[in-house]
Each structure stands twice: as structure tokens, then as C-alpha cells.
Amino acid sequence: MATWDPFDVESLQRQVNQAFERYGPQFPPMFRTAFLPGRAAREYPLINIYDDQNALYLEALAPGADPASFNIAVVRDTLTLSGEKPRAPGEVKPEAFHREERAAGKFARSIALPAEIDESKVKAEYKNGLLLITAPKSEKAKPRQISVQVA
């Protein structure tokens, strides 16, 4: 027979945490810790995805990123975007900064796409700090009109 310990707070805390993990609302991380060594990287760049009948459109917010460093890979319904955001221009020494809030460094992000796309026709353009990716849907993923025969 197990004995009840009124001071076993750790066990109670674990049970409450497990209940919230299973059934509670899912919230994004409270603090974004992008590019900090030893910390979980935030989801960068921030992305909007929308579609029409023929293609998916991704807008990745990446101001200051080096367009030449972008690497976009697509496998079935997953898009991986990586690149680098350089440090301050010029030869500014780290000890010269009084405040450094704009993150810099390498980034990578994989996004599950809502439909399978044709990898050979993906196009990307970088304009005004926004990476615009057009990914045509594969023929299998496009909606088909099926006619109904009336008997």
C-alpha cells in the first residue's frame, strides 16, 4: 500500500504539467532566442503561406539577410529554407556595441506544406527584405472536377 506524502510537490507538479501538455492550449515560446548559442532558435524567418488552385505562395520575412546565402530545398511536401544574416556592416568590434538587438548568424527552417508541389518549377525572388517563393502544386495535388452521370 502506498503512503501519501503531503509534501510530495514534485510529483504533483509533474502530473499538472503532463495534463497541460496533453490537453491544454499550445502556445509558442514566450521569449524568442534566435541565434543565441546553446538556446533553441526561434522560427526564422517568419513566414506566411497561402495558395490558390495552382500553386503555394510563401513570403519569408528576412530583412538584412544575404540573398546569395539562401538555400531552398523541396522534397515532396516539405520546404527547407536556410541562409545567413550577416553582422553589422564594416569592422565594428563586438565590444563597441552598447545594444545589439538585431540577431545575426546562420538560420535554417523546415516547413510542412499543405500540398505536394512540383519541385522542378519552384521559383524564388528576394525583394525589399521579403523572400517570395512560388511553388506550383503537383498534378496529383490539384483539385479535379468530376462530372456526374445522370442515369
Protein backbone atom coordinates (compact mmCIF):
# COMPACT_ATOMS: atom_id res chain seq x y z
CA MET A 1 0.00 0.00 0.00
CA ALA A 2 1.38 3.40 -0.99
CA THR A 3 1.58 6.14 1.58
CA TRP A 4 0.51 9.66 0.82
CA ASP A 5 3.12 12.34 1.35
CA PRO A 6 1.52 15.80 1.59
CA PHE A 7 4.89 17.39 0.77
CA ASP A 8 5.45 15.48 -2.50
CA VAL A 9 5.04 18.64 -4.55
CA GLU A 10 7.33 17.47 -7.37
CA SER A 11 5.05 14.58 -8.24
CA LEU A 12 2.02 16.86 -8.24
CA GLN A 13 3.87 19.40 -10.44
CA ARG A 14 4.77 16.66 -12.95
CA GLN A 15 1.16 15.48 -13.13
CA VAL A 16 -0.17 19.01 -13.67
CA ASN A 17 2.44 19.70 -16.38
CA GLN A 18 1.58 16.45 -18.17
CA ALA A 19 -2.12 17.31 -18.09
CA PHE A 20 -1.48 20.72 -19.65
CA GLU A 21 0.86 19.25 -22.27
CA ARG A 22 -1.77 16.71 -23.32
CA TYR A 23 -4.95 18.76 -23.15
CA GLY A 24 -4.06 22.40 -22.74
CA PRO A 25 -3.72 25.01 -25.45
CA GLN A 26 -0.45 25.07 -27.36
CA PHE A 27 1.38 28.38 -27.10
CA PRO A 28 4.53 29.48 -28.96
CA PRO A 29 7.64 30.10 -26.86
CA MET A 30 7.30 33.19 -24.67
CA PHE A 31 10.76 34.53 -25.46
CA ARG A 32 12.42 34.33 -28.82
CA THR A 33 16.07 33.37 -28.56
CA ALA A 34 17.16 33.35 -32.18
CA PHE A 35 20.81 32.83 -32.96
CA LEU A 36 21.89 32.52 -29.34
CA PRO A 37 24.38 29.69 -28.81
CA GLY A 38 23.09 26.95 -26.56
CA ARG A 39 19.49 28.16 -26.85
CA ALA A 40 16.65 26.96 -29.01
CA ALA A 41 16.49 29.02 -32.18
CA ARG A 42 13.24 30.75 -32.95
CA GLU A 43 11.41 30.06 -36.12
CA TYR A 44 13.21 32.37 -38.50
CA PRO A 45 12.39 33.74 -40.94
CA LEU A 46 8.74 34.44 -40.15
CA ILE A 47 6.60 33.01 -42.94
CA ASN A 48 3.15 33.46 -44.48
CA ILE A 49 1.82 30.67 -46.70
CA TYR A 50 -1.25 30.91 -48.92
CA ASP A 51 -2.41 29.12 -52.05
CA ASP A 52 -4.76 29.05 -54.99
CA GLN A 53 -5.75 26.12 -57.21
CA ASN A 54 -2.39 26.02 -58.98
CA ALA A 55 0.35 26.99 -56.53
CA LEU A 56 1.51 27.67 -53.00
CA TYR A 57 2.98 31.08 -52.19
CA LEU A 58 5.42 31.62 -49.35
CA GLU A 59 6.51 35.03 -48.09
CA ALA A 60 9.51 34.85 -45.77
CA LEU A 61 10.37 38.00 -43.83
CA ALA A 62 14.18 38.17 -43.96
CA PRO A 63 15.40 41.79 -43.90
CA GLY A 64 19.15 42.14 -43.91
CA ALA A 65 19.71 38.53 -44.96
CA ASP A 66 22.26 37.85 -47.67
CA PRO A 67 20.26 36.72 -50.74
CA ALA A 68 23.30 34.84 -52.08
CA SER A 69 23.31 32.66 -48.96
CA PHE A 70 19.73 31.41 -49.38
CA ASN A 71 19.36 27.70 -49.97
CA ILE A 72 15.87 26.41 -50.74
CA ALA A 73 15.25 22.67 -50.90
CA VAL A 74 11.93 20.97 -51.56
CA VAL A 75 11.17 17.30 -51.02
CA ARG A 76 7.54 16.26 -51.58
CA ASP A 77 5.57 18.38 -49.10
CA THR A 78 8.44 19.85 -47.06
CA LEU A 79 10.34 23.04 -47.88
CA THR A 80 13.65 23.77 -46.14
CA LEU A 81 14.98 27.31 -46.18
CA SER A 82 18.42 28.20 -44.90
CA GLY A 83 20.73 31.17 -45.18
CA GLU A 84 22.73 33.70 -43.26
CA LYS A 85 22.08 37.12 -41.83
CA PRO A 86 25.43 38.98 -41.59
CA ARG A 87 26.57 41.06 -38.64
CA ALA A 88 26.74 44.85 -38.74
CA PRO A 89 28.44 46.26 -41.82
CA GLY A 90 32.05 47.27 -41.56
CA GLU A 91 34.61 46.39 -38.96
CA VAL A 92 32.59 47.04 -35.80
CA LYS A 93 34.17 45.22 -32.88
CA PRO A 94 31.79 43.33 -30.55
CA GLU A 95 32.92 45.37 -27.53
CA ALA A 96 31.89 48.60 -29.33
CA PHE A 97 28.19 47.70 -29.21
CA HIS A 98 26.11 49.31 -26.49
CA ARG A 99 22.98 47.47 -27.61
CA GLU A 100 22.66 44.63 -30.09
CA GLU A 101 19.04 43.57 -30.60
CA ARG A 102 19.08 42.58 -34.26
CA ALA A 103 20.12 38.96 -34.47
CA ALA A 104 22.70 37.72 -36.95
CA GLY A 105 24.06 34.36 -37.96
CA LYS A 106 23.02 31.24 -39.87
CA PHE A 107 19.45 30.02 -39.87
CA ALA A 108 17.50 27.03 -41.17
CA ARG A 109 13.81 26.29 -41.14
CA SER A 110 11.72 23.39 -42.46
CA ILE A 111 8.08 23.98 -43.25
CA ALA A 112 5.47 21.28 -43.85
CA LEU A 113 3.50 22.39 -46.89
CA PRO A 114 -0.26 21.80 -47.11
CA ALA A 115 0.05 20.15 -50.54
CA GLU A 116 2.59 18.26 -52.62
CA ILE A 117 4.39 20.52 -55.09
CA ASP A 118 6.33 20.16 -58.33
CA GLU A 119 9.94 20.63 -57.15
CA SER A 120 11.25 21.37 -60.65
CA LYS A 121 9.12 24.51 -61.05
CA VAL A 122 9.75 26.32 -57.74
CA LYS A 123 10.79 29.96 -58.17
CA ALA A 124 12.19 32.40 -55.60
CA GLU A 125 12.70 36.17 -55.61
CA TYR A 126 14.14 38.46 -52.92
CA LYS A 127 12.67 41.96 -52.87
CA ASN A 128 12.68 44.63 -50.12
CA GLY A 129 13.67 42.15 -47.39
CA LEU A 130 10.99 39.67 -48.40
CA LEU A 131 11.80 36.28 -49.93
CA LEU A 132 8.91 35.35 -52.24
CA ILE A 133 8.65 31.69 -53.19
CA THR A 134 6.17 30.38 -55.76
CA ALA A 135 5.72 26.60 -55.64
CA PRO A 136 3.36 25.14 -58.25
CA LYS A 137 1.28 22.24 -56.99
CA SER A 138 1.89 18.81 -58.47
CA GLU A 139 -0.80 17.48 -60.76
CA LYS A 140 -1.85 14.99 -58.06
CA ALA A 141 -2.46 17.80 -55.57
CA LYS A 142 -4.60 19.97 -57.86
CA PRO A 143 -8.36 19.70 -57.40
CA ARG A 144 -10.15 17.86 -60.18
CA GLN A 145 -13.65 18.45 -61.46
CA ILE A 146 -15.51 15.17 -61.67
CA SER A 147 -18.65 15.11 -63.75
CA VAL A 148 -21.65 13.18 -62.52
CA GLN A 149 -23.53 10.99 -64.99
CA VAL A 150 -27.27 11.14 -64.66
CA ALA A 151 -28.97 7.82 -65.42
